[in-house]
Amino acid sequence: MLRSTLIRTAIAGVAVLGLAGCGGGGDQLGSDNAGSSPAPSKVSSITVGSADFSESQLIAEIYGQALAAKGIEVKKKPNIGNRETYMAAIKDGSVDLVPEYTGASLAYFDKNSTETDPQKAYDALKKALTPGLEILEMSPATDEDTIVVTKATADKYSLKSIGDLKGKNLVAGGSSEFKVRTAGLKGMKEKYDVDFKEYKTLDAGGPLSIKALETNQIQVTDLFTTQAVIKDKGWVQLDDPEHILPPNNIVPLIRTDHKSDDVVSTLNAVDAKLTTDALTDLVKRIDVGKESADAVAKDWLSKNPLS
């Protein structure tokens, strides 16, 4: 999910579901883990978790409220952390369901994957998952990593693509993951031969990275395509002709032992109705309007009833 992907603020103090842009390979689920059990005909409860940014929190809140409306008891695990952290949680059974992003998740389970086509990335992810984990239908909604500079920086250095950063001696900043992942500085070096004078570890597209870019403490960062701040501030997204940034359609990642028919049909119905534009507007309400993910999710579901 560089992730995979609005100001990415983790709303840790609000009673919301805790939740783009992709780390090392995943471990097998333990043999004594319920994740290796077959899919049940029905479940009475499910624990929904999420990553540490507001969009992931929002989607998990939508999932949870939709499932609760079907009579399933929903438990929430707010603001778990980065991909490596919440993957550990779903593997050990601490959570049963998390919102994921196809390309970022594929890079986690198969670090050698080079898929850039959305459907092929989805198909490859289904094959790469460890036993006991499954994905449901992917949403048309996407949230992808994007390398961003201010318009002033783009004009000063004639920047249009990532490759134009070569030899510019700039300062980059963002999450700790962005520094080491292929969809980040590692890929920028390998595919574009781009180096930076310095890297400042800040956050995953959140207020620290945004403020640092705005005040020129850094000149390059990784944001997410659904972040309204990019358009609002007139910032420039650099082209990626070498495709180091993966396609990232939203998709539910679920433990097989909680993949009952009613859970599957409900989550697939949610993802079918989500759109990138709607997601951008919803997350802006959280990050800029300071509404809670709980309230925004409830409003979206009221306007998008599930069949």
C-alpha atoms as a PDB file:
ATOM      1  CA  MET A   1       0.000   0.000   0.000  1.00  0.00           C
ATOM      2  CA  LEU A   2       2.945   2.772  -0.091  1.00  0.00           C
ATOM      3  CA  ARG A   3       0.923   2.105   2.027  1.00  0.00           C
ATOM      4  CA  SER A   4       0.092   2.077  -0.573  1.00  0.00           C
ATOM      5  CA  THR A   5      -1.818   6.938  -0.336  1.00  0.00           C
ATOM      6  CA  LEU A   6      -6.141  13.968   2.634  1.00  0.00           C
ATOM      7  CA  ILE A   7      -3.606  14.258   5.392  1.00  0.00           C
ATOM      8  CA  ARG A   8      -2.699  10.813   6.552  1.00  0.00           C
ATOM      9  CA  THR A   9      -3.378  11.426  10.214  1.00  0.00           C
ATOM     10  CA  ALA A  10      -3.955   8.484  12.478  1.00  0.00           C
ATOM     11  CA  ILE A  11      -6.967   9.364  14.585  1.00  0.00           C
ATOM     12  CA  ALA A  12      -5.746   7.470  17.586  1.00  0.00           C
ATOM     13  CA  GLY A  13      -7.821   9.362  20.115  1.00  0.00           C
ATOM     14  CA  VAL A  14     -11.133   8.853  18.358  1.00  0.00           C
ATOM     15  CA  ALA A  15     -13.086   5.635  18.738  1.00  0.00           C
ATOM     16  CA  VAL A  16     -12.757   4.674  15.101  1.00  0.00           C
ATOM     17  CA  LEU A  17     -11.456   1.638  13.385  1.00  0.00           C
ATOM     18  CA  GLY A  18      -7.718   1.660  13.444  1.00  0.00           C
ATOM     19  CA  LEU A  19      -6.061   1.224  10.530  1.00  0.00           C
ATOM     20  CA  ALA A  20      -1.490   3.997  -0.585  1.00  0.00           C
ATOM     21  CA  GLY A  21       2.013   2.425  -0.323  1.00  0.00           C
ATOM     22  CA  CYS A  22       5.228  -2.535   0.830  1.00  0.00           C
ATOM     23  CA  GLY A  23       7.742  -4.520   2.733  1.00  0.00           C
ATOM     24  CA  GLY A  24       9.396  -7.908   2.858  1.00  0.00           C
ATOM     25  CA  GLY A  25       7.843 -11.313   2.343  1.00  0.00           C
ATOM     26  CA  GLY A  26       5.106 -12.720   4.551  1.00  0.00           C
ATOM     27  CA  ASP A  27       5.426 -15.729   6.840  1.00  0.00           C
ATOM     28  CA  GLN A  28       3.262 -18.819   6.739  1.00  0.00           C
ATOM     29  CA  LEU A  29       0.414 -18.796   9.206  1.00  0.00           C
ATOM     30  CA  GLY A  30       1.145 -21.125  12.094  1.00  0.00           C
ATOM     31  CA  SER A  31      -0.251 -24.652  11.911  1.00  0.00           C
ATOM     32  CA  ASP A  32      -2.126 -24.072  15.173  1.00  0.00           C
ATOM     33  CA  ASN A  33      -3.595 -20.833  13.854  1.00  0.00           C
ATOM     34  CA  ALA A  34      -7.317 -20.640  13.066  1.00  0.00           C
ATOM     35  CA  GLY A  35      -6.409 -18.974   9.776  1.00  0.00           C
ATOM     36  CA  SER A  36      -5.707 -22.408   8.302  1.00  0.00           C
ATOM     37  CA  SER A  37      -9.332 -23.487   8.916  1.00  0.00           C
ATOM     38  CA  PRO A  38     -11.841 -23.655   6.050  1.00  0.00           C
ATOM     39  CA  ALA A  39     -14.301 -20.860   5.414  1.00  0.00           C
ATOM     40  CA  PRO A  40     -17.324 -21.087   7.750  1.00  0.00           C
ATOM     41  CA  SER A  41     -20.947 -20.931   6.619  1.00  0.00           C
ATOM     42  CA  LYS A  42     -21.572 -18.082   9.058  1.00  0.00           C
ATOM     43  CA  VAL A  43     -19.701 -16.044  11.680  1.00  0.00           C
ATOM     44  CA  SER A  44     -21.129 -14.350  14.759  1.00  0.00           C
ATOM     45  CA  SER A  45     -18.300 -11.848  15.255  1.00  0.00           C
ATOM     46  CA  ILE A  46     -15.360 -10.363  13.401  1.00  0.00           C
ATOM     47  CA  THR A  47     -12.445  -8.121  14.399  1.00  0.00           C
ATOM     48  CA  VAL A  48     -11.644  -5.376  11.930  1.00  0.00           C
ATOM     49  CA  GLY A  49      -8.273  -3.654  11.959  1.00  0.00           C
ATOM     50  CA  SER A  50      -6.505  -1.105   9.847  1.00  0.00           C
ATOM     51  CA  ALA A  51      -3.314   0.784   9.093  1.00  0.00           C
ATOM     52  CA  ASP A  52      -2.120   4.007  10.673  1.00  0.00           C
ATOM     53  CA  PHE A  53      -3.645   6.571   8.324  1.00  0.00           C
ATOM     54  CA  SER A  54      -7.082   8.080   8.001  1.00  0.00           C
ATOM     55  CA  GLU A  55      -8.186   6.544   4.705  1.00  0.00           C
ATOM     56  CA  SER A  56      -7.532   3.047   5.985  1.00  0.00           C
ATOM     57  CA  GLN A  57      -9.389   3.918   9.179  1.00  0.00           C
ATOM     58  CA  LEU A  58     -12.317   5.180   7.150  1.00  0.00           C
ATOM     59  CA  ILE A  59     -12.580   2.102   4.938  1.00  0.00           C
ATOM     60  CA  ALA A  60     -12.353  -0.200   7.938  1.00  0.00           C
ATOM     61  CA  GLU A  61     -15.077   1.808   9.648  1.00  0.00           C
ATOM     62  CA  ILE A  62     -17.277   1.418   6.559  1.00  0.00           C
ATOM     63  CA  TYR A  63     -16.582  -2.323   6.506  1.00  0.00           C
ATOM     64  CA  GLY A  64     -17.359  -2.632  10.197  1.00  0.00           C
ATOM     65  CA  GLN A  65     -20.598  -0.651  10.107  1.00  0.00           C
ATOM     66  CA  ALA A  66     -21.809  -2.540   7.025  1.00  0.00           C
ATOM     67  CA  LEU A  67     -21.142  -5.877   8.721  1.00  0.00           C
ATOM     68  CA  ALA A  68     -22.772  -4.728  11.964  1.00  0.00           C
ATOM     69  CA  ALA A  69     -25.895  -3.836   9.993  1.00  0.00           C
ATOM     70  CA  LYS A  70     -26.054  -7.504   8.937  1.00  0.00           C
ATOM     71  CA  GLY A  71     -26.188  -8.614  12.561  1.00  0.00           C
ATOM     72  CA  ILE A  72     -22.518  -9.512  12.953  1.00  0.00           C
ATOM     73  CA  GLU A  73     -20.772  -8.401  16.151  1.00  0.00           C
ATOM     74  CA  VAL A  74     -17.885  -6.159  15.103  1.00  0.00           C
ATOM     75  CA  LYS A  75     -14.828  -5.591  17.259  1.00  0.00           C
ATOM     76  CA  LYS A  76     -12.429  -2.782  16.371  1.00  0.00           C
ATOM     77  CA  LYS A  77      -8.651  -2.658  16.593  1.00  0.00           C
ATOM     78  CA  PRO A  78      -7.775   0.989  15.969  1.00  0.00           C
ATOM     79  CA  ASN A  79      -4.608   2.353  14.421  1.00  0.00           C
ATOM     80  CA  ILE A  80      -2.506  -0.807  14.380  1.00  0.00           C
ATOM     81  CA  GLY A  81       0.456   0.621  12.485  1.00  0.00           C
ATOM     82  CA  ASN A  82       2.243   0.061   9.201  1.00  0.00           C
ATOM     83  CA  ARG A  83       1.792  -2.893   6.845  1.00  0.00           C
ATOM     84  CA  GLU A  84       4.327  -5.078   8.585  1.00  0.00           C
ATOM     85  CA  THR A  85       2.537  -4.536  11.895  1.00  0.00           C
ATOM     86  CA  TYR A  86      -1.039  -5.176  10.794  1.00  0.00           C
ATOM     87  CA  MET A  87       0.020  -8.146   8.676  1.00  0.00           C
ATOM     88  CA  ALA A  88       1.438  -9.709  11.815  1.00  0.00           C
ATOM     89  CA  ALA A  89      -1.900  -9.059  13.528  1.00  0.00           C
ATOM     90  CA  ILE A  90      -3.997 -10.729  10.837  1.00  0.00           C
ATOM     91  CA  LYS A  91      -1.616 -13.677  10.712  1.00  0.00           C
ATOM     92  CA  ASP A  92      -1.759 -14.301  14.454  1.00  0.00           C
ATOM     93  CA  GLY A  93      -5.528 -13.813  14.623  1.00  0.00           C
ATOM     94  CA  SER A  94      -5.530 -10.534  16.528  1.00  0.00           C
ATOM     95  CA  VAL A  95      -7.654  -9.197  13.669  1.00  0.00           C
ATOM     96  CA  ASP A  96      -9.698 -10.989  11.025  1.00  0.00           C
ATOM     97  CA  LEU A  97     -10.088  -8.298   8.372  1.00  0.00           C
ATOM     98  CA  VAL A  98      -8.175  -5.269   7.125  1.00  0.00           C
ATOM     99  CA  PRO A  99      -8.574  -2.982   4.115  1.00  0.00           C
ATOM    100  CA  GLU A 100      -5.664  -3.493   1.739  1.00  0.00           C
ATOM    101  CA  TYR A 101      -4.230  -2.209  -1.530  1.00  0.00           C
ATOM    102  CA  THR A 102      -3.480  -4.680  -4.308  1.00  0.00           C
ATOM    103  CA  GLY A 103      -0.041  -3.581  -5.498  1.00  0.00           C
ATOM    104  CA  ALA A 104       1.341  -2.735  -2.087  1.00  0.00           C
ATOM    105  CA  SER A 105       0.101  -6.001  -0.629  1.00  0.00           C
ATOM    106  CA  LEU A 106       1.521  -7.939  -3.578  1.00  0.00           C
ATOM    107  CA  ALA A 107       4.932  -6.389  -2.952  1.00  0.00           C
ATOM    108  CA  TYR A 108       4.687  -7.550   0.660  1.00  0.00           C
ATOM    109  CA  PHE A 109       3.868 -11.161  -0.198  1.00  0.00           C
ATOM    110  CA  ASP A 110       6.020 -11.355  -3.336  1.00  0.00           C
ATOM    111  CA  LYS A 111       8.948  -8.972  -3.206  1.00  0.00           C
ATOM    112  CA  ASN A 112       9.988  -9.976  -6.736  1.00  0.00           C
ATOM    113  CA  SER A 113       6.687  -9.055  -8.351  1.00  0.00           C
ATOM    114  CA  THR A 114       6.834  -6.506 -11.169  1.00  0.00           C
ATOM    115  CA  GLU A 115       3.146  -6.373 -12.126  1.00  0.00           C
ATOM    116  CA  THR A 116       1.934  -2.925 -13.191  1.00  0.00           C
ATOM    117  CA  ASP A 117      -1.470  -3.907 -14.648  1.00  0.00           C
ATOM    118  CA  PRO A 118      -4.264  -3.623 -12.033  1.00  0.00           C
ATOM    119  CA  GLN A 119      -6.011  -6.904 -12.916  1.00  0.00           C
ATOM    120  CA  LYS A 120      -2.743  -8.836 -13.197  1.00  0.00           C
ATOM    121  CA  ALA A 121      -1.598  -7.430  -9.866  1.00  0.00           C
ATOM    122  CA  TYR A 122      -4.875  -8.566  -8.276  1.00  0.00           C
ATOM    123  CA  ASP A 123      -4.573 -12.050  -9.795  1.00  0.00           C
ATOM    124  CA  ALA A 124      -0.940 -12.335  -8.700  1.00  0.00           C
ATOM    125  CA  LEU A 125      -1.844 -11.270  -5.166  1.00  0.00           C
ATOM    126  CA  LYS A 126      -4.464 -14.015  -4.905  1.00  0.00           C
ATOM    127  CA  LYS A 127      -1.780 -16.562  -5.742  1.00  0.00           C
ATOM    128  CA  ALA A 128       0.876 -15.025  -3.483  1.00  0.00           C
ATOM    129  CA  LEU A 129      -1.152 -14.994  -0.256  1.00  0.00           C
ATOM    130  CA  THR A 130      -0.134 -17.349   2.507  1.00  0.00           C
ATOM    131  CA  PRO A 131      -2.561 -20.147   3.462  1.00  0.00           C
ATOM    132  CA  GLY A 132      -5.343 -18.892   5.687  1.00  0.00           C
ATOM    133  CA  LEU A 133      -5.562 -15.451   4.066  1.00  0.00           C
ATOM    134  CA  GLU A 134      -7.749 -14.442   1.133  1.00  0.00           C
ATOM    135  CA  ILE A 135      -8.780 -11.324  -0.721  1.00  0.00           C
ATOM    136  CA  LEU A 136     -12.293 -10.550  -1.891  1.00  0.00           C
ATOM    137  CA  GLU A 137     -13.292  -8.579  -4.991  1.00  0.00           C
ATOM    138  CA  MET A 138     -11.211  -5.487  -5.647  1.00  0.00           C
ATOM    139  CA  SER A 139     -12.834  -2.079  -5.728  1.00  0.00           C
ATOM    140  CA  PRO A 140     -12.665   0.304  -8.690  1.00  0.00           C
ATOM    141  CA  ALA A 141     -11.466   2.837  -6.110  1.00  0.00           C
ATOM    142  CA  THR A 142      -7.712   3.281  -6.023  1.00  0.00           C
ATOM    143  CA  ASP A 143      -5.257   5.126  -3.855  1.00  0.00           C
ATOM    144  CA  GLU A 144      -1.751   5.041  -5.233  1.00  0.00           C
ATOM    145  CA  ASP A 145       1.574   6.426  -4.149  1.00  0.00           C
ATOM    146  CA  THR A 146       2.745   9.505  -5.993  1.00  0.00           C
ATOM    147  CA  ILE A 147       6.048  11.367  -5.816  1.00  0.00           C
ATOM    148  CA  VAL A 148       5.241  15.019  -5.165  1.00  0.00           C
ATOM    149  CA  VAL A 149       7.116  18.325  -5.285  1.00  0.00           C
ATOM    150  CA  THR A 150       5.872  21.879  -4.935  1.00  0.00           C
ATOM    151  CA  LYS A 151       5.262  23.881  -8.101  1.00  0.00           C
ATOM    152  CA  ALA A 152       8.122  26.193  -7.118  1.00  0.00           C
ATOM    153  CA  THR A 153      10.519  23.244  -6.912  1.00  0.00           C
ATOM    154  CA  ALA A 154       9.223  21.767 -10.167  1.00  0.00           C
ATOM    155  CA  ASP A 155       9.711  25.091 -11.960  1.00  0.00           C
ATOM    156  CA  LYS A 156      13.147  25.743 -10.450  1.00  0.00           C
ATOM    157  CA  TYR A 157      14.574  22.340 -11.450  1.00  0.00           C
ATOM    158  CA  SER A 158      12.390  21.617 -14.526  1.00  0.00           C
ATOM    159  CA  LEU A 159      10.875  18.525 -12.927  1.00  0.00           C
ATOM    160  CA  LYS A 160       8.276  16.490 -14.792  1.00  0.00           C
ATOM    161  CA  SER A 161       9.223  12.881 -14.052  1.00  0.00           C
ATOM    162  CA  ILE A 162      11.026  11.047 -11.268  1.00  0.00           C
ATOM    163  CA  GLY A 163      14.089  10.735 -13.467  1.00  0.00           C
ATOM    164  CA  ASP A 164      14.420  14.508 -13.578  1.00  0.00           C
ATOM    165  CA  LEU A 165      15.421  14.395  -9.886  1.00  0.00           C
ATOM    166  CA  LYS A 166      18.783  12.875 -10.809  1.00  0.00           C
ATOM    167  CA  GLY A 167      21.719  15.072  -9.837  1.00  0.00           C
ATOM    168  CA  LYS A 168      19.571  17.756  -8.205  1.00  0.00           C
ATOM    169  CA  ASN A 169      20.977  17.226  -4.685  1.00  0.00           C
ATOM    170  CA  LEU A 170      17.571  17.602  -2.998  1.00  0.00           C
ATOM    171  CA  VAL A 171      16.247  16.529   0.387  1.00  0.00           C
ATOM    172  CA  ALA A 172      13.512  13.873   0.479  1.00  0.00           C
ATOM    173  CA  GLY A 173      11.287  12.980   3.380  1.00  0.00           C
ATOM    174  CA  GLY A 174       8.403  10.738   4.369  1.00  0.00           C
ATOM    175  CA  SER A 175       7.788   7.484   6.193  1.00  0.00           C
ATOM    176  CA  SER A 176      10.498   5.099   7.329  1.00  0.00           C
ATOM    177  CA  GLU A 177       9.080   2.545   4.888  1.00  0.00           C
ATOM    178  CA  PHE A 178       9.357   4.903   1.919  1.00  0.00           C
ATOM    179  CA  LYS A 179      13.085   5.144   2.531  1.00  0.00           C
ATOM    180  CA  VAL A 180      13.681   1.410   2.010  1.00  0.00           C
ATOM    181  CA  ARG A 181      10.920   0.128  -0.261  1.00  0.00           C
ATOM    182  CA  THR A 182      11.041  -0.400  -4.035  1.00  0.00           C
ATOM    183  CA  ALA A 183       8.076   1.959  -4.294  1.00  0.00           C
ATOM    184  CA  GLY A 184      10.313   4.601  -2.781  1.00  0.00           C
ATOM    185  CA  LEU A 185      13.967   5.557  -2.581  1.00  0.00           C
ATOM    186  CA  LYS A 186      15.180   2.031  -3.323  1.00  0.00           C
ATOM    187  CA  GLY A 187      13.275   1.954  -6.624  1.00  0.00           C
ATOM    188  CA  MET A 188      14.207   5.544  -7.440  1.00  0.00           C
ATOM    189  CA  LYS A 189      17.870   4.594  -7.147  1.00  0.00           C
ATOM    190  CA  GLU A 190      17.576   1.307  -9.024  1.00  0.00           C
ATOM    191  CA  LYS A 191      15.364   2.502 -11.890  1.00  0.00           C
ATOM    192  CA  TYR A 192      16.211   6.214 -12.176  1.00  0.00           C
ATOM    193  CA  ASP A 193      19.677   6.457 -10.559  1.00  0.00           C
ATOM    194  CA  VAL A 194      18.302   9.161  -8.256  1.00  0.00           C
ATOM    195  CA  ASP A 195      20.101   9.955  -5.002  1.00  0.00           C
ATOM    196  CA  PHE A 196      19.206  12.513  -2.361  1.00  0.00           C
ATOM    197  CA  LYS A 197      21.384  14.747  -0.238  1.00  0.00           C
ATOM    198  CA  GLU A 198      19.444  13.746   2.862  1.00  0.00           C
ATOM    199  CA  TYR A 199      16.364  11.800   3.939  1.00  0.00           C
ATOM    200  CA  LYS A 200      14.177  13.001   6.798  1.00  0.00           C
ATOM    201  CA  THR A 201      11.994  10.373   8.447  1.00  0.00           C
ATOM    202  CA  LEU A 202       8.593  11.990   9.061  1.00  0.00           C
ATOM    203  CA  ASP A 203       5.272  10.208   8.480  1.00  0.00           C
ATOM    204  CA  ALA A 204       3.303   8.402   5.767  1.00  0.00           C
ATOM    205  CA  GLY A 205       1.850  11.298   3.809  1.00  0.00           C
ATOM    206  CA  GLY A 206       0.734  12.954   7.004  1.00  0.00           C
ATOM    207  CA  PRO A 207       0.960  16.444   8.485  1.00  0.00           C
ATOM    208  CA  LEU A 208       4.691  16.241   9.159  1.00  0.00           C
ATOM    209  CA  SER A 209       5.545  15.432   5.548  1.00  0.00           C
ATOM    210  CA  ILE A 210       3.072  17.969   4.206  1.00  0.00           C
ATOM    211  CA  LYS A 211       4.372  20.749   6.449  1.00  0.00           C
ATOM    212  CA  ALA A 212       7.995  19.918   5.619  1.00  0.00           C
ATOM    213  CA  LEU A 213       7.274  20.049   1.889  1.00  0.00           C
ATOM    214  CA  GLU A 214       5.314  23.270   2.207  1.00  0.00           C
ATOM    215  CA  THR A 215       8.110  24.985   4.158  1.00  0.00           C
ATOM    216  CA  ASN A 216      10.880  23.613   1.908  1.00  0.00           C
ATOM    217  CA  GLN A 217      12.492  21.576   4.692  1.00  0.00           C
ATOM    218  CA  ILE A 218      12.218  18.768   2.165  1.00  0.00           C
ATOM    219  CA  GLN A 219      11.731  19.095  -1.572  1.00  0.00           C
ATOM    220  CA  VAL A 220      10.387  15.624  -2.404  1.00  0.00           C
ATOM    221  CA  THR A 221       7.908  13.360  -0.635  1.00  0.00           C
ATOM    222  CA  ASP A 222       5.545  10.453  -1.169  1.00  0.00           C
ATOM    223  CA  LEU A 223       1.856  11.293  -0.955  1.00  0.00           C
ATOM    224  CA  PHE A 224      -1.257   9.481  -2.097  1.00  0.00           C
ATOM    225  CA  THR A 225      -3.458  10.173  -5.093  1.00  0.00           C
ATOM    226  CA  THR A 226      -6.614  10.622  -3.006  1.00  0.00           C
ATOM    227  CA  GLN A 227      -5.053  13.400  -0.933  1.00  0.00           C
ATOM    228  CA  ALA A 228      -6.910  16.616  -1.687  1.00  0.00           C
ATOM    229  CA  VAL A 229      -3.943  18.654  -0.446  1.00  0.00           C
ATOM    230  CA  ILE A 230      -2.094  17.973  -3.727  1.00  0.00           C
ATOM    231  CA  LYS A 231      -4.711  19.734  -5.833  1.00  0.00           C
ATOM    232  CA  ASP A 232      -5.523  22.327  -3.196  1.00  0.00           C
ATOM    233  CA  LYS A 233      -1.906  23.526  -3.061  1.00  0.00           C
ATOM    234  CA  GLY A 234      -1.161  23.113  -6.755  1.00  0.00           C
ATOM    235  CA  TRP A 235       1.634  20.619  -6.129  1.00  0.00           C
ATOM    236  CA  VAL A 236       3.162  18.574  -8.935  1.00  0.00           C
ATOM    237  CA  GLN A 237       2.993  14.779  -9.197  1.00  0.00           C
ATOM    238  CA  LEU A 238       6.045  13.435 -11.010  1.00  0.00           C
ATOM    239  CA  ASP A 239       5.537  10.913 -13.801  1.00  0.00           C
ATOM    240  CA  ASP A 240       6.771   7.365 -13.210  1.00  0.00           C
ATOM    241  CA  PRO A 241       7.615   5.870 -16.641  1.00  0.00           C
ATOM    242  CA  GLU A 242       9.563   2.996 -15.046  1.00  0.00           C
ATOM    243  CA  HIS A 243       6.543   2.003 -12.939  1.00  0.00           C
ATOM    244  CA  ILE A 244       8.170   1.721  -9.526  1.00  0.00           C
ATOM    245  CA  LEU A 245       4.849   2.733  -7.967  1.00  0.00           C
ATOM    246  CA  PRO A 246       2.364  -0.166  -8.081  1.00  0.00           C
ATOM    247  CA  PRO A 247      -1.358  -0.099  -8.954  1.00  0.00           C
ATOM    248  CA  ASN A 248      -3.350   0.026  -5.734  1.00  0.00           C
ATOM    249  CA  ASN A 249      -7.003  -0.916  -5.908  1.00  0.00           C
ATOM    250  CA  ILE A 250      -8.717  -1.244  -2.549  1.00  0.00           C
ATOM    251  CA  VAL A 251      -9.448  -4.833  -1.559  1.00  0.00           C
ATOM    252  CA  PRO A 252     -10.508  -6.570   1.678  1.00  0.00           C
ATOM    253  CA  LEU A 253      -7.883  -8.932   3.119  1.00  0.00           C
ATOM    254  CA  ILE A 254      -9.576 -11.507   5.321  1.00  0.00           C
ATOM    255  CA  ARG A 255      -8.738 -14.640   7.247  1.00  0.00           C
ATOM    256  CA  THR A 256     -10.308 -17.713   5.652  1.00  0.00           C
ATOM    257  CA  ASP A 257     -11.826 -18.734   8.982  1.00  0.00           C
ATOM    258  CA  HIS A 258     -14.005 -15.586   8.889  1.00  0.00           C
ATOM    259  CA  LYS A 259     -14.882 -15.609   5.185  1.00  0.00           C
ATOM    260  CA  SER A 260     -18.546 -16.543   5.459  1.00  0.00           C
ATOM    261  CA  ASP A 261     -21.004 -15.904   2.646  1.00  0.00           C
ATOM    262  CA  ASP A 262     -22.684 -12.970   4.388  1.00  0.00           C
ATOM    263  CA  VAL A 263     -19.338 -11.308   5.130  1.00  0.00           C
ATOM    264  CA  VAL A 264     -18.195 -11.782   1.528  1.00  0.00           C
ATOM    265  CA  SER A 265     -21.378 -10.421  -0.042  1.00  0.00           C
ATOM    266  CA  THR A 266     -21.428  -7.401   2.272  1.00  0.00           C
ATOM    267  CA  LEU A 267     -17.809  -6.412   1.726  1.00  0.00           C
ATOM    268  CA  ASN A 268     -18.019  -6.959  -2.021  1.00  0.00           C
ATOM    269  CA  ALA A 269     -21.074  -4.707  -2.128  1.00  0.00           C
ATOM    270  CA  VAL A 270     -19.180  -1.983  -0.250  1.00  0.00           C
ATOM    271  CA  ASP A 271     -16.149  -2.132  -2.511  1.00  0.00           C
ATOM    272  CA  ALA A 272     -18.292  -2.086  -5.652  1.00  0.00           C
ATOM    273  CA  LYS A 273     -19.766   1.254  -4.591  1.00  0.00           C
ATOM    274  CA  LEU A 274     -16.528   2.960  -3.551  1.00  0.00           C
ATOM    275  CA  THR A 275     -14.953   5.306  -6.089  1.00  0.00           C
ATOM    276  CA  THR A 276     -11.673   7.170  -6.079  1.00  0.00           C
ATOM    277  CA  ASP A 277     -13.387  10.568  -6.270  1.00  0.00           C
ATOM    278  CA  ALA A 278     -15.743   9.738  -3.421  1.00  0.00           C
ATOM    279  CA  LEU A 279     -12.886   8.455  -1.313  1.00  0.00           C
ATOM    280  CA  THR A 280     -10.930  11.648  -1.887  1.00  0.00           C
ATOM    281  CA  ASP A 281     -13.877  13.737  -0.693  1.00  0.00           C
ATOM    282  CA  LEU A 282     -14.543  11.501   2.316  1.00  0.00           C
ATOM    283  CA  VAL A 283     -10.971  11.553   3.546  1.00  0.00           C
ATOM    284  CA  LYS A 284     -10.818  15.322   3.123  1.00  0.00           C
ATOM    285  CA  ARG A 285     -13.772  15.570   5.509  1.00  0.00           C
ATOM    286  CA  ILE A 286     -11.699  13.711   8.095  1.00  0.00           C
ATOM    287  CA  ASP A 287      -8.337  15.360   7.588  1.00  0.00           C
ATOM    288  CA  VAL A 288      -9.400  18.891   6.754  1.00  0.00           C
ATOM    289  CA  GLY A 289     -12.933  19.059   8.144  1.00  0.00           C
ATOM    290  CA  LYS A 290     -11.919  17.167  11.306  1.00  0.00           C
ATOM    291  CA  GLU A 291     -14.966  14.898  11.207  1.00  0.00           C
ATOM    292  CA  SER A 292     -14.608  11.461  12.756  1.00  0.00           C
ATOM    293  CA  ALA A 293     -14.149   8.395  10.548  1.00  0.00           C
ATOM    294  CA  ASP A 294     -17.151   6.890  12.331  1.00  0.00           C
ATOM    295  CA  ALA A 295     -19.436   9.774  11.324  1.00  0.00           C
ATOM    296  CA  VAL A 296     -18.137   9.980   7.750  1.00  0.00           C
ATOM    297  CA  ALA A 297     -18.562   6.222   7.266  1.00  0.00           C
ATOM    298  CA  LYS A 298     -22.091   6.324   8.646  1.00  0.00           C
ATOM    299  CA  ASP A 299     -22.991   9.171   6.290  1.00  0.00           C
ATOM    300  CA  TRP A 300     -21.554   7.367   3.260  1.00  0.00           C
ATOM    301  CA  LEU A 301     -23.441   4.176   4.045  1.00  0.00           C
ATOM    302  CA  SER A 302     -26.701   6.106   4.490  1.00  0.00           C
ATOM    303  CA  LYS A 303     -26.268   7.536   0.982  1.00  0.00           C
ATOM    304  CA  ASN A 304     -25.077   4.267  -0.539  1.00  0.00           C
ATOM    305  CA  PRO A 305     -27.387   1.545   0.757  1.00  0.00           C
ATOM    306  CA  LEU A 306     -26.173  -1.995   0.157  1.00  0.00           C
ATOM    307  CA  SER A 307     -28.443  -4.480  -1.555  1.00  0.00           C
END
